[in-house]
Amino acid sequence: MAKVVHFEIPSENFEKAKSFYSNVFGWKFKQWGDMPYHMTESGPKEEMGIEGALTKKSGHNMNVVNTIGVENIDKTIEVIKKNGGEVFEKMPIPTIGWFAYFKDPDGNIQGVMQNDPNAK
């Protein structure tokens, strides 16, 4: 089985979104590299839950996206397609591994991610 390992909240205004989630839930944010991507810190690591990020609203990521961790992204992409899903371009995540957005048969956008210890 595969678990949800990350979420993305699309935003058109990072400062407004960071202020909202900080004020309401106490979340902290840290920009990832020079990308328009702000990682969450939503509580102690030993507590239950996952972390996510604020990302720029664009194209196919207009709604909250859950990312599901998989062992082999290429095999998973094929299974998604065979079961009526649509897969967007697979892309590298520097120092992490591989990622692809997909659309399920109901049109929901989600993501799949494979950690790769050799990612640069």
PDB file of N, CA and C in Angstrom:
ATOM      1  N   MET A   1       0.841  -1.192   0.000  1.00  0.00           N
ATOM      2  CA  MET A   1       0.000   0.000   0.000  1.00  0.00           C
ATOM      3  C   MET A   1       0.877   1.244   0.000  1.00  0.00           C
ATOM      4  N   ALA A   2       0.333   2.314  -0.521  1.00  0.00           N
ATOM      5  CA  ALA A   2       1.058   3.581  -0.579  1.00  0.00           C
ATOM      6  C   ALA A   2       0.328   4.620   0.262  1.00  0.00           C
ATOM      7  N   LYS A   3       1.091   5.446   0.996  1.00  0.00           N
ATOM      8  CA  LYS A   3       0.521   6.462   1.876  1.00  0.00           C
ATOM      9  C   LYS A   3       0.687   7.854   1.285  1.00  0.00           C
ATOM     10  N   VAL A   4      -0.206   8.750   1.685  1.00  0.00           N
ATOM     11  CA  VAL A   4      -0.035  10.164   1.362  1.00  0.00           C
ATOM     12  C   VAL A   4       1.162  10.648   2.176  1.00  0.00           C
ATOM     13  N   VAL A   5       2.128  11.268   1.500  1.00  0.00           N
ATOM     14  CA  VAL A   5       3.361  11.692   2.159  1.00  0.00           C
ATOM     15  C   VAL A   5       3.589  13.199   2.116  1.00  0.00           C
ATOM     16  N   HIS A   6       2.753  13.933   1.381  1.00  0.00           N
ATOM     17  CA  HIS A   6       2.976  15.368   1.210  1.00  0.00           C
ATOM     18  C   HIS A   6       1.695  15.983   0.666  1.00  0.00           C
ATOM     19  N   PHE A   7       1.494  17.250   0.905  1.00  0.00           N
ATOM     20  CA  PHE A   7       0.376  17.965   0.289  1.00  0.00           C
ATOM     21  C   PHE A   7       0.873  19.292  -0.246  1.00  0.00           C
ATOM     22  N   GLU A   8       0.137  19.842  -1.216  1.00  0.00           N
ATOM     23  CA  GLU A   8       0.426  21.163  -1.760  1.00  0.00           C
ATOM     24  C   GLU A   8      -0.836  22.004  -1.729  1.00  0.00           C
ATOM     25  N   ILE A   9      -0.680  23.237  -1.287  1.00  0.00           N
ATOM     26  CA  ILE A   9      -1.781  24.190  -1.285  1.00  0.00           C
ATOM     27  C   ILE A   9      -1.414  25.288  -2.287  1.00  0.00           C
ATOM     28  N   PRO A  10      -2.119  25.375  -3.409  1.00  0.00           N
ATOM     29  CA  PRO A  10      -1.806  26.411  -4.394  1.00  0.00           C
ATOM     30  C   PRO A  10      -2.195  27.794  -3.886  1.00  0.00           C
ATOM     31  N   SER A  11      -1.382  28.785  -4.237  1.00  0.00           N
ATOM     32  CA  SER A  11      -1.630  30.145  -3.777  1.00  0.00           C
ATOM     33  C   SER A  11      -1.250  31.150  -4.860  1.00  0.00           C
ATOM     34  N   GLU A  12      -2.021  32.221  -4.939  1.00  0.00           N
ATOM     35  CA  GLU A  12      -1.689  33.324  -5.824  1.00  0.00           C
ATOM     36  C   GLU A  12      -0.925  34.407  -5.075  1.00  0.00           C
ATOM     37  N   ASN A  13      -0.954  34.374  -3.742  1.00  0.00           N
ATOM     38  CA  ASN A  13      -0.300  35.379  -2.912  1.00  0.00           C
ATOM     39  C   ASN A  13       0.327  34.680  -1.713  1.00  0.00           C
ATOM     40  N   PHE A  14       1.623  34.375  -1.809  1.00  0.00           N
ATOM     41  CA  PHE A  14       2.301  33.621  -0.756  1.00  0.00           C
ATOM     42  C   PHE A  14       2.234  34.317   0.604  1.00  0.00           C
ATOM     43  N   GLU A  15       2.460  35.619   0.633  1.00  0.00           N
ATOM     44  CA  GLU A  15       2.472  36.318   1.921  1.00  0.00           C
ATOM     45  C   GLU A  15       1.116  36.239   2.598  1.00  0.00           C
ATOM     46  N   LYS A  16       0.048  36.408   1.825  1.00  0.00           N
ATOM     47  CA  LYS A  16      -1.310  36.328   2.373  1.00  0.00           C
ATOM     48  C   LYS A  16      -1.594  34.906   2.867  1.00  0.00           C
ATOM     49  N   ALA A  17      -1.216  33.900   2.079  1.00  0.00           N
ATOM     50  CA  ALA A  17      -1.458  32.502   2.469  1.00  0.00           C
ATOM     51  C   ALA A  17      -0.632  32.125   3.699  1.00  0.00           C
ATOM     52  N   LYS A  18       0.645  32.520   3.714  1.00  0.00           N
ATOM     53  CA  LYS A  18       1.485  32.206   4.875  1.00  0.00           C
ATOM     54  C   LYS A  18       0.922  32.861   6.132  1.00  0.00           C
ATOM     55  N   SER A  19       0.477  34.098   6.005  1.00  0.00           N
ATOM     56  CA  SER A  19      -0.114  34.796   7.146  1.00  0.00           C
ATOM     57  C   SER A  19      -1.360  34.062   7.641  1.00  0.00           C
ATOM     58  N   PHE A  20      -2.223  33.644   6.713  1.00  0.00           N
ATOM     59  CA  PHE A  20      -3.443  32.929   7.075  1.00  0.00           C
ATOM     60  C   PHE A  20      -3.124  31.655   7.847  1.00  0.00           C
ATOM     61  N   TYR A  21      -2.294  30.768   7.264  1.00  0.00           N
ATOM     62  CA  TYR A  21      -2.013  29.480   7.892  1.00  0.00           C
ATOM     63  C   TYR A  21      -1.187  29.624   9.172  1.00  0.00           C
ATOM     64  N   SER A  22      -0.360  30.651   9.238  1.00  0.00           N
ATOM     65  CA  SER A  22       0.396  30.924  10.471  1.00  0.00           C
ATOM     66  C   SER A  22      -0.539  31.387  11.581  1.00  0.00           C
ATOM     67  N   ASN A  23      -1.418  32.331  11.253  1.00  0.00           N
ATOM     68  CA  ASN A  23      -2.328  32.882  12.259  1.00  0.00           C
ATOM     69  C   ASN A  23      -3.380  31.874  12.711  1.00  0.00           C
ATOM     70  N   VAL A  24      -3.891  31.065  11.798  1.00  0.00           N
ATOM     71  CA  VAL A  24      -4.956  30.129  12.136  1.00  0.00           C
ATOM     72  C   VAL A  24      -4.415  28.867  12.811  1.00  0.00           C
ATOM     73  N   PHE A  25      -3.318  28.290  12.260  1.00  0.00           N
ATOM     74  CA  PHE A  25      -2.832  26.997  12.736  1.00  0.00           C
ATOM     75  C   PHE A  25      -1.449  27.039  13.391  1.00  0.00           C
ATOM     76  N   GLY A  26      -0.785  28.189  13.351  1.00  0.00           N
ATOM     77  CA  GLY A  26       0.545  28.291  13.931  1.00  0.00           C
ATOM     78  C   GLY A  26       1.653  27.726  13.050  1.00  0.00           C
ATOM     79  N   TRP A  27       1.372  27.476  11.771  1.00  0.00           N
ATOM     80  CA  TRP A  27       2.370  26.907  10.866  1.00  0.00           C
ATOM     81  C   TRP A  27       3.483  27.915  10.601  1.00  0.00           C
ATOM     82  N   LYS A  28       4.683  27.369  10.341  1.00  0.00           N
ATOM     83  CA  LYS A  28       5.824  28.164   9.896  1.00  0.00           C
ATOM     84  C   LYS A  28       6.157  27.740   8.475  1.00  0.00           C
ATOM     85  N   PHE A  29       6.862  28.600   7.753  1.00  0.00           N
ATOM     86  CA  PHE A  29       7.186  28.316   6.351  1.00  0.00           C
ATOM     87  C   PHE A  29       8.650  28.620   6.077  1.00  0.00           C
ATOM     88  N   LYS A  30       9.218  27.838   5.168  1.00  0.00           N
ATOM     89  CA  LYS A  30      10.588  28.065   4.723  1.00  0.00           C
ATOM     90  C   LYS A  30      10.628  27.848   3.212  1.00  0.00           C
ATOM     91  N   GLN A  31      11.112  28.850   2.488  1.00  0.00           N
ATOM     92  CA  GLN A  31      11.200  28.726   1.026  1.00  0.00           C
ATOM     93  C   GLN A  31      12.196  27.634   0.673  1.00  0.00           C
ATOM     94  N   TRP A  32      11.838  26.819  -0.324  1.00  0.00           N
ATOM     95  CA  TRP A  32      12.694  25.721  -0.769  1.00  0.00           C
ATOM     96  C   TRP A  32      13.512  26.210  -1.961  1.00  0.00           C
ATOM     97  N   GLY A  33      14.816  26.371  -1.746  1.00  0.00           N
ATOM     98  CA  GLY A  33      15.691  26.858  -2.812  1.00  0.00           C
ATOM     99  C   GLY A  33      15.248  28.227  -3.282  1.00  0.00           C
ATOM    100  N   ASP A  34      15.348  28.450  -4.591  1.00  0.00           N
ATOM    101  CA  ASP A  34      14.907  29.729  -5.148  1.00  0.00           C
ATOM    102  C   ASP A  34      13.577  29.579  -5.881  1.00  0.00           C
ATOM    103  N   MET A  35      12.904  28.457  -5.627  1.00  0.00           N
ATOM    104  CA  MET A  35      11.631  28.179  -6.289  1.00  0.00           C
ATOM    105  C   MET A  35      10.478  28.875  -5.557  1.00  0.00           C
ATOM    106  N   PRO A  36       9.363  29.096  -6.241  1.00  0.00           N
ATOM    107  CA  PRO A  36       8.180  29.636  -5.572  1.00  0.00           C
ATOM    108  C   PRO A  36       7.460  28.498  -4.823  1.00  0.00           C
ATOM    109  N   TYR A  37       8.127  27.983  -3.801  1.00  0.00           N
ATOM    110  CA  TYR A  37       7.664  26.805  -3.080  1.00  0.00           C
ATOM    111  C   TYR A  37       8.064  26.984  -1.621  1.00  0.00           C
ATOM    112  N   HIS A  38       7.087  26.998  -0.734  1.00  0.00           N
ATOM    113  CA  HIS A  38       7.322  27.286   0.677  1.00  0.00           C
ATOM    114  C   HIS A  38       6.887  26.087   1.521  1.00  0.00           C
ATOM    115  N   MET A  39       7.869  25.372   2.062  1.00  0.00           N
ATOM    116  CA  MET A  39       7.608  24.169   2.855  1.00  0.00           C
ATOM    117  C   MET A  39       6.976  24.531   4.199  1.00  0.00           C
ATOM    118  N   THR A  40       6.050  23.680   4.667  1.00  0.00           N
ATOM    119  CA  THR A  40       5.401  23.910   5.952  1.00  0.00           C
ATOM    120  C   THR A  40       6.209  23.272   7.077  1.00  0.00           C
ATOM    121  N   GLU A  41       6.054  23.849   8.235  1.00  0.00           N
ATOM    122  CA  GLU A  41       6.469  23.233   9.490  1.00  0.00           C
ATOM    123  C   GLU A  41       5.240  23.352  10.366  1.00  0.00           C
ATOM    124  N   SER A  42       4.494  22.244  10.468  1.00  0.00           N
ATOM    125  CA  SER A  42       3.185  22.322  11.110  1.00  0.00           C
ATOM    126  C   SER A  42       3.142  21.686  12.493  1.00  0.00           C
ATOM    127  N   GLY A  43       4.289  21.317  13.015  1.00  0.00           N
ATOM    128  CA  GLY A  43       4.322  20.749  14.360  1.00  0.00           C
ATOM    129  C   GLY A  43       5.535  19.874  14.548  1.00  0.00           C
ATOM    130  N   PRO A  44       5.714  19.376  15.773  1.00  0.00           N
ATOM    131  CA  PRO A  44       6.860  18.510  16.055  1.00  0.00           C
ATOM    132  C   PRO A  44       6.851  17.248  15.188  1.00  0.00           C
ATOM    133  N   LYS A  45       8.034  16.846  14.742  1.00  0.00           N
ATOM    134  CA  LYS A  45       8.153  15.683  13.861  1.00  0.00           C
ATOM    135  C   LYS A  45       7.636  14.410  14.509  1.00  0.00           C
ATOM    136  N   GLU A  46       7.700  14.318  15.834  1.00  0.00           N
ATOM    137  CA  GLU A  46       7.251  13.098  16.508  1.00  0.00           C
ATOM    138  C   GLU A  46       5.726  12.999  16.600  1.00  0.00           C
ATOM    139  N   GLU A  47       5.014  14.070  16.260  1.00  0.00           N
ATOM    140  CA  GLU A  47       3.559  14.029  16.262  1.00  0.00           C
ATOM    141  C   GLU A  47       3.034  13.488  14.938  1.00  0.00           C
ATOM    142  N   MET A  48       1.849  12.894  14.974  1.00  0.00           N
ATOM    143  CA  MET A  48       1.207  12.338  13.791  1.00  0.00           C
ATOM    144  C   MET A  48       0.954  13.434  12.761  1.00  0.00           C
ATOM    145  N   GLY A  49       1.098  13.100  11.498  1.00  0.00           N
ATOM    146  CA  GLY A  49       0.763  14.031  10.431  1.00  0.00           C
ATOM    147  C   GLY A  49       1.856  14.114   9.385  1.00  0.00           C
ATOM    148  N   ILE A  50       1.558  14.810   8.310  1.00  0.00           N
ATOM    149  CA  ILE A  50       2.507  14.992   7.216  1.00  0.00           C
ATOM    150  C   ILE A  50       2.756  16.484   7.024  1.00  0.00           C
ATOM    151  N   GLU A  51       3.813  16.808   6.307  1.00  0.00           N
ATOM    152  CA  GLU A  51       4.118  18.188   5.975  1.00  0.00           C
ATOM    153  C   GLU A  51       3.764  18.442   4.512  1.00  0.00           C
ATOM    154  N   GLY A  52       3.716  19.691   4.149  1.00  0.00           N
ATOM    155  CA  GLY A  52       3.374  20.055   2.788  1.00  0.00           C
ATOM    156  C   GLY A  52       4.041  21.345   2.392  1.00  0.00           C
ATOM    157  N   ALA A  53       3.407  22.053   1.471  1.00  0.00           N
ATOM    158  CA  ALA A  53       3.986  23.296   0.970  1.00  0.00           C
ATOM    159  C   ALA A  53       2.919  24.170   0.339  1.00  0.00           C
ATOM    160  N   LEU A  54       3.229  25.468   0.299  1.00  0.00           N
ATOM    161  CA  LEU A  54       2.476  26.397  -0.537  1.00  0.00           C
ATOM    162  C   LEU A  54       3.194  26.431  -1.870  1.00  0.00           C
ATOM    163  N   THR A  55       2.443  26.356  -2.951  1.00  0.00           N
ATOM    164  CA  THR A  55       3.019  26.392  -4.291  1.00  0.00           C
ATOM    165  C   THR A  55       2.256  27.395  -5.136  1.00  0.00           C
ATOM    166  N   LYS A  56       2.849  27.840  -6.201  1.00  0.00           N
ATOM    167  CA  LYS A  56       2.214  28.834  -7.086  1.00  0.00           C
ATOM    168  C   LYS A  56       1.049  28.192  -7.827  1.00  0.00           C
ATOM    169  N   LYS A  57      -0.082  28.866  -7.833  1.00  0.00           N
ATOM    170  CA  LYS A  57      -1.255  28.403  -8.576  1.00  0.00           C
ATOM    171  C   LYS A  57      -0.974  28.508 -10.057  1.00  0.00           C
ATOM    172  N   SER A  58      -1.106  27.389 -10.775  1.00  0.00           N
ATOM    173  CA  SER A  58      -0.906  27.432 -12.227  1.00  0.00           C
ATOM    174  C   SER A  58      -1.337  26.121 -12.842  1.00  0.00           C
ATOM    175  N   GLY A  59      -1.753  26.177 -14.080  1.00  0.00           N
ATOM    176  CA  GLY A  59      -2.064  24.978 -14.853  1.00  0.00           C
ATOM    177  C   GLY A  59      -2.912  23.972 -14.117  1.00  0.00           C
ATOM    178  N   HIS A  60      -2.326  22.814 -13.841  1.00  0.00           N
ATOM    179  CA  HIS A  60      -3.088  21.714 -13.269  1.00  0.00           C
ATOM    180  C   HIS A  60      -3.103  21.719 -11.746  1.00  0.00           C
ATOM    181  N   ASN A  61      -2.368  22.589 -11.080  1.00  0.00           N
ATOM    182  CA  ASN A  61      -2.412  22.582  -9.614  1.00  0.00           C
ATOM    183  C   ASN A  61      -3.207  23.783  -9.096  1.00  0.00           C
ATOM    184  N   MET A  62      -4.507  23.742  -9.338  1.00  0.00           N
ATOM    185  CA  MET A  62      -5.401  24.812  -8.907  1.00  0.00           C
ATOM    186  C   MET A  62      -6.134  24.458  -7.618  1.00  0.00           C
ATOM    187  N   ASN A  63      -6.016  23.216  -7.154  1.00  0.00           N
ATOM    188  CA  ASN A  63      -6.662  22.756  -5.923  1.00  0.00           C
ATOM    189  C   ASN A  63      -5.624  22.063  -5.055  1.00  0.00           C
ATOM    190  N   VAL A  64      -5.992  21.774  -3.817  1.00  0.00           N
ATOM    191  CA  VAL A  64      -5.083  21.063  -2.924  1.00  0.00           C
ATOM    192  C   VAL A  64      -4.718  19.725  -3.558  1.00  0.00           C
ATOM    193  N   VAL A  65      -3.438  19.405  -3.528  1.00  0.00           N
ATOM    194  CA  VAL A  65      -2.930  18.163  -4.120  1.00  0.00           C
ATOM    195  C   VAL A  65      -2.264  17.333  -3.036  1.00  0.00           C
ATOM    196  N   ASN A  66      -2.650  16.067  -2.939  1.00  0.00           N
ATOM    197  CA  ASN A  66      -1.965  15.120  -2.063  1.00  0.00           C
ATOM    198  C   ASN A  66      -0.924  14.381  -2.883  1.00  0.00           C
ATOM    199  N   THR A  67       0.227  14.135  -2.296  1.00  0.00           N
ATOM    200  CA  THR A  67       1.276  13.365  -2.959  1.00  0.00           C
ATOM    201  C   THR A  67       1.384  12.016  -2.273  1.00  0.00           C
ATOM    202  N   ILE A  68       1.380  10.960  -3.083  1.00  0.00           N
ATOM    203  CA  ILE A  68       1.419   9.594  -2.580  1.00  0.00           C
ATOM    204  C   ILE A  68       2.796   9.018  -2.859  1.00  0.00           C
ATOM    205  N   GLY A  69       3.451   8.518  -1.829  1.00  0.00           N
ATOM    206  CA  GLY A  69       4.776   7.930  -1.967  1.00  0.00           C
ATOM    207  C   GLY A  69       4.689   6.545  -2.584  1.00  0.00           C
ATOM    208  N   VAL A  70       5.527   6.279  -3.589  1.00  0.00           N
ATOM    209  CA  VAL A  70       5.538   4.976  -4.264  1.00  0.00           C
ATOM    210  C   VAL A  70       6.973   4.469  -4.370  1.00  0.00           C
ATOM    211  N   GLU A  71       7.116   3.156  -4.505  1.00  0.00           N
ATOM    212  CA  GLU A  71       8.444   2.561  -4.625  1.00  0.00           C
ATOM    213  C   GLU A  71       9.025   2.733  -6.020  1.00  0.00           C
ATOM    214  N   ASN A  72       8.169   2.646  -7.052  1.00  0.00           N
ATOM    215  CA  ASN A  72       8.642   2.733  -8.433  1.00  0.00           C
ATOM    216  C   ASN A  72       7.681   3.614  -9.222  1.00  0.00           C
ATOM    217  N   ILE A  73       8.093   4.832  -9.503  1.00  0.00           N
ATOM    218  CA  ILE A  73       7.195   5.795 -10.147  1.00  0.00           C
ATOM    219  C   ILE A  73       6.833   5.370 -11.572  1.00  0.00           C
ATOM    220  N   ASP A  74       7.769   4.772 -12.298  1.00  0.00           N
ATOM    221  CA  ASP A  74       7.469   4.365 -13.676  1.00  0.00           C
ATOM    222  C   ASP A  74       6.400   3.281 -13.716  1.00  0.00           C
ATOM    223  N   LYS A  75       6.490   2.299 -12.838  1.00  0.00           N
ATOM    224  CA  LYS A  75       5.464   1.244 -12.774  1.00  0.00           C
ATOM    225  C   LYS A  75       4.126   1.837 -12.338  1.00  0.00           C
ATOM    226  N   THR A  76       4.170   2.736 -11.370  1.00  0.00           N
ATOM    227  CA  THR A  76       2.940   3.349 -10.884  1.00  0.00           C
ATOM    228  C   THR A  76       2.267   4.161 -11.979  1.00  0.00           C
ATOM    229  N   ILE A  77       3.053   4.886 -12.768  1.00  0.00           N
ATOM    230  CA  ILE A  77       2.492   5.656 -13.888  1.00  0.00           C
ATOM    231  C   ILE A  77       1.756   4.738 -14.857  1.00  0.00           C
ATOM    232  N   GLU A  78       2.338   3.599 -15.159  1.00  0.00           N
ATOM    233  CA  GLU A  78       1.683   2.651 -16.063  1.00  0.00           C
ATOM    234  C   GLU A  78       0.378   2.130 -15.471  1.00  0.00           C
ATOM    235  N   VAL A  79       0.375   1.838 -14.172  1.00  0.00           N
ATOM    236  CA  VAL A  79      -0.838   1.350 -13.509  1.00  0.00           C
ATOM    237  C   VAL A  79      -1.917   2.439 -13.505  1.00  0.00           C
ATOM    238  N   ILE A  80      -1.515   3.675 -13.263  1.00  0.00           N
ATOM    239  CA  ILE A  80      -2.476   4.788 -13.304  1.00  0.00           C
ATOM    240  C   ILE A  80      -3.139   4.855 -14.680  1.00  0.00           C
ATOM    241  N   LYS A  81      -2.333   4.794 -15.734  1.00  0.00           N
ATOM    242  CA  LYS A  81      -2.861   4.863 -17.105  1.00  0.00           C
ATOM    243  C   LYS A  81      -3.781   3.690 -17.412  1.00  0.00           C
ATOM    244  N   LYS A  82      -3.385   2.482 -17.003  1.00  0.00           N
ATOM    245  CA  LYS A  82      -4.196   1.285 -17.266  1.00  0.00           C
ATOM    246  C   LYS A  82      -5.541   1.326 -16.553  1.00  0.00           C
ATOM    247  N   ASN A  83      -5.623   2.124 -15.496  1.00  0.00           N
ATOM    248  CA  ASN A  83      -6.856   2.198 -14.721  1.00  0.00           C
ATOM    249  C   ASN A  83      -7.649   3.472 -14.980  1.00  0.00           C
ATOM    250  N   GLY A  84      -7.396   4.111 -16.119  1.00  0.00           N
ATOM    251  CA  GLY A  84      -8.205   5.245 -16.535  1.00  0.00           C
ATOM    252  C   GLY A  84      -7.719   6.600 -16.084  1.00  0.00           C
ATOM    253  N   GLY A  85      -6.513   6.662 -15.511  1.00  0.00           N
ATOM    254  CA  GLY A  85      -5.965   7.946 -15.097  1.00  0.00           C
ATOM    255  C   GLY A  85      -5.137   8.580 -16.204  1.00  0.00           C
ATOM    256  N   GLU A  86      -4.870   9.851 -16.054  1.00  0.00           N
ATOM    257  CA  GLU A  86      -4.031  10.595 -16.995  1.00  0.00           C
ATOM    258  C   GLU A  86      -2.813  11.092 -16.226  1.00  0.00           C
ATOM    259  N   VAL A  87      -1.625  10.884 -16.770  1.00  0.00           N
ATOM    260  CA  VAL A  87      -0.393  11.283 -16.086  1.00  0.00           C
ATOM    261  C   VAL A  87       0.245  12.451 -16.815  1.00  0.00           C
ATOM    262  N   PHE A  88       0.630  13.454 -16.052  1.00  0.00           N
ATOM    263  CA  PHE A  88       1.368  14.587 -16.594  1.00  0.00           C
ATOM    264  C   PHE A  88       2.852  14.229 -16.566  1.00  0.00           C
ATOM    265  N   GLU A  89       3.681  15.038 -17.127  1.00  0.00           N
ATOM    266  CA  GLU A  89       5.104  14.742 -17.272  1.00  0.00           C
ATOM    267  C   GLU A  89       5.793  14.416 -15.938  1.00  0.00           C
ATOM    268  N   LYS A  90       6.537  13.318 -15.914  1.00  0.00           N
ATOM    269  CA  LYS A  90       7.376  12.967 -14.767  1.00  0.00           C
ATOM    270  C   LYS A  90       8.538  13.948 -14.725  1.00  0.00           C
ATOM    271  N   MET A  91       8.891  14.398 -13.515  1.00  0.00           N
ATOM    272  CA  MET A  91       9.976  15.383 -13.400  1.00  0.00           C
ATOM    273  C   MET A  91      10.867  15.049 -12.209  1.00  0.00           C
ATOM    274  N   PRO A  92      12.130  15.432 -12.301  1.00  0.00           N
ATOM    275  CA  PRO A  92      13.016  15.215 -11.158  1.00  0.00           C
ATOM    276  C   PRO A  92      12.761  16.260 -10.076  1.00  0.00           C
ATOM    277  N   ILE A  93      12.968  15.861  -8.826  1.00  0.00           N
ATOM    278  CA  ILE A  93      12.967  16.791  -7.702  1.00  0.00           C
ATOM    279  C   ILE A  93      14.397  16.776  -7.177  1.00  0.00           C
ATOM    280  N   PRO A  94      15.135  17.856  -7.352  1.00  0.00           N
ATOM    281  CA  PRO A  94      16.542  17.861  -6.939  1.00  0.00           C
ATOM    282  C   PRO A  94      16.727  17.406  -5.490  1.00  0.00           C
ATOM    283  N   THR A  95      17.652  16.520  -5.289  1.00  0.00           N
ATOM    284  CA  THR A  95      18.051  15.916  -4.004  1.00  0.00           C
ATOM    285  C   THR A  95      16.986  15.011  -3.383  1.00  0.00           C
ATOM    286  N   ILE A  96      15.845  14.838  -4.032  1.00  0.00           N
ATOM    287  CA  ILE A  96      14.755  14.034  -3.464  1.00  0.00           C
ATOM    288  C   ILE A  96      14.471  12.786  -4.293  1.00  0.00           C
ATOM    289  N   GLY A  97      14.171  12.948  -5.574  1.00  0.00           N
ATOM    290  CA  GLY A  97      13.790  11.810  -6.404  1.00  0.00           C
ATOM    291  C   GLY A  97      12.974  12.228  -7.611  1.00  0.00           C
ATOM    292  N   TRP A  98      11.827  11.575  -7.813  1.00  0.00           N
ATOM    293  CA  TRP A  98      10.981  11.794  -8.996  1.00  0.00           C
ATOM    294  C   TRP A  98       9.554  12.077  -8.581  1.00  0.00           C
ATOM    295  N   PHE A  99       8.852  12.866  -9.422  1.00  0.00           N
ATOM    296  CA  PHE A  99       7.488  13.279  -9.128  1.00  0.00           C
ATOM    297  C   PHE A  99       6.681  13.361 -10.413  1.00  0.00           C
ATOM    298  N   ALA A 100       5.386  13.062 -10.331  1.00  0.00           N
ATOM    299  CA  ALA A 100       4.470  13.283 -11.452  1.00  0.00           C
ATOM    300  C   ALA A 100       3.079  13.589 -10.900  1.00  0.00           C
ATOM    301  N   TYR A 101       2.426  14.578 -11.498  1.00  0.00           N
ATOM    302  CA  TYR A 101       1.011  14.813 -11.215  1.00  0.00           C
ATOM    303  C   TYR A 101       0.208  13.826 -12.048  1.00  0.00           C
ATOM    304  N   PHE A 102      -0.964  13.442 -11.536  1.00  0.00           N
ATOM    305  CA  PHE A 102      -1.881  12.625 -12.327  1.00  0.00           C
ATOM    306  C   PHE A 102      -3.307  13.047 -12.041  1.00  0.00           C
ATOM    307  N   LYS A 103      -4.185  12.727 -13.003  1.00  0.00           N
ATOM    308  CA  LYS A 103      -5.611  12.993 -12.869  1.00  0.00           C
ATOM    309  C   LYS A 103      -6.314  11.649 -12.742  1.00  0.00           C
ATOM    310  N   ASP A 104      -7.125  11.494 -11.705  1.00  0.00           N
ATOM    311  CA  ASP A 104      -7.872  10.242 -11.549  1.00  0.00           C
ATOM    312  C   ASP A 104      -9.101  10.270 -12.462  1.00  0.00           C
ATOM    313  N   PRO A 105      -9.847   9.157 -12.565  1.00  0.00           N
ATOM    314  CA  PRO A 105     -10.999   9.122 -13.480  1.00  0.00           C
ATOM    315  C   PRO A 105     -12.080  10.158 -13.171  1.00  0.00           C
ATOM    316  N   ASP A 106     -12.111  10.695 -11.938  1.00  0.00           N
ATOM    317  CA  ASP A 106     -13.075  11.738 -11.593  1.00  0.00           C
ATOM    318  C   ASP A 106     -12.542  13.140 -11.845  1.00  0.00           C
ATOM    319  N   GLY A 107     -11.294  13.242 -12.349  1.00  0.00           N
ATOM    320  CA  GLY A 107     -10.715  14.539 -12.654  1.00  0.00           C
ATOM    321  C   GLY A 107      -9.931  15.167 -11.518  1.00  0.00           C
ATOM    322  N   ASN A 108      -9.779  14.450 -10.395  1.00  0.00           N
ATOM    323  CA  ASN A 108      -9.001  14.971  -9.266  1.00  0.00           C
ATOM    324  C   ASN A 108      -7.511  14.885  -9.577  1.00  0.00           C
ATOM    325  N   ILE A 109      -6.795  15.952  -9.292  1.00  0.00           N
ATOM    326  CA  ILE A 109      -5.352  15.980  -9.495  1.00  0.00           C
ATOM    327  C   ILE A 109      -4.669  15.563  -8.194  1.00  0.00           C
ATOM    328  N   GLN A 110      -3.741  14.629  -8.295  1.00  0.00           N
ATOM    329  CA  GLN A 110      -2.927  14.169  -7.170  1.00  0.00           C
ATOM    330  C   GLN A 110      -1.497  14.042  -7.670  1.00  0.00           C
ATOM    331  N   GLY A 111      -0.591  13.619  -6.820  1.00  0.00           N
ATOM    332  CA  GLY A 111       0.797  13.426  -7.223  1.00  0.00           C
ATOM    333  C   GLY A 111       1.331  12.100  -6.727  1.00  0.00           C
ATOM    334  N   VAL A 112       2.338  11.585  -7.424  1.00  0.00           N
ATOM    335  CA  VAL A 112       3.079  10.412  -6.963  1.00  0.00           C
ATOM    336  C   VAL A 112       4.553  10.793  -6.909  1.00  0.00           C
ATOM    337  N   MET A 113       5.249  10.276  -5.884  1.00  0.00           N
ATOM    338  CA  MET A 113       6.648  10.620  -5.692  1.00  0.00           C
ATOM    339  C   MET A 113       7.442   9.384  -5.304  1.00  0.00           C
ATOM    340  N   GLN A 114       8.603   9.242  -5.937  1.00  0.00           N
ATOM    341  CA  GLN A 114       9.544   8.175  -5.605  1.00  0.00           C
ATOM    342  C   GLN A 114      10.798   8.812  -5.041  1.00  0.00           C
ATOM    343  N   ASN A 115      11.164   8.441  -3.821  1.00  0.00           N
ATOM    344  CA  ASN A 115      12.441   8.888  -3.275  1.00  0.00           C
ATOM    345  C   ASN A 115      13.553   8.157  -3.999  1.00  0.00           C
ATOM    346  N   ASP A 116      14.633   8.854  -4.280  1.00  0.00           N
ATOM    347  CA  ASP A 116      15.788   8.254  -4.952  1.00  0.00           C
ATOM    348  C   ASP A 116      17.032   8.741  -4.225  1.00  0.00           C
ATOM    349  N   PRO A 117      17.719   7.854  -3.499  1.00  0.00           N
ATOM    350  CA  PRO A 117      18.901   8.267  -2.735  1.00  0.00           C
ATOM    351  C   PRO A 117      20.032   8.791  -3.623  1.00  0.00           C
ATOM    352  N   ASN A 118      19.976   8.541  -4.925  1.00  0.00           N
ATOM    353  CA  ASN A 118      21.006   9.012  -5.851  1.00  0.00           C
ATOM    354  C   ASN A 118      20.637  10.321  -6.544  1.00  0.00           C
ATOM    355  N   ALA A 119      19.479  10.902  -6.189  1.00  0.00           N
ATOM    356  CA  ALA A 119      19.034  12.146  -6.831  1.00  0.00           C
ATOM    357  C   ALA A 119      20.018  13.270  -6.521  1.00  0.00           C
ATOM    358  N   LYS A 120      20.270  14.089  -7.522  1.00  0.00           N
ATOM    359  CA  LYS A 120      21.196  15.217  -7.359  1.00  0.00           C
ATOM    360  C   LYS A 120      20.495  16.530  -7.547  1.00  0.00           C
TER     361      LYS A 120
END
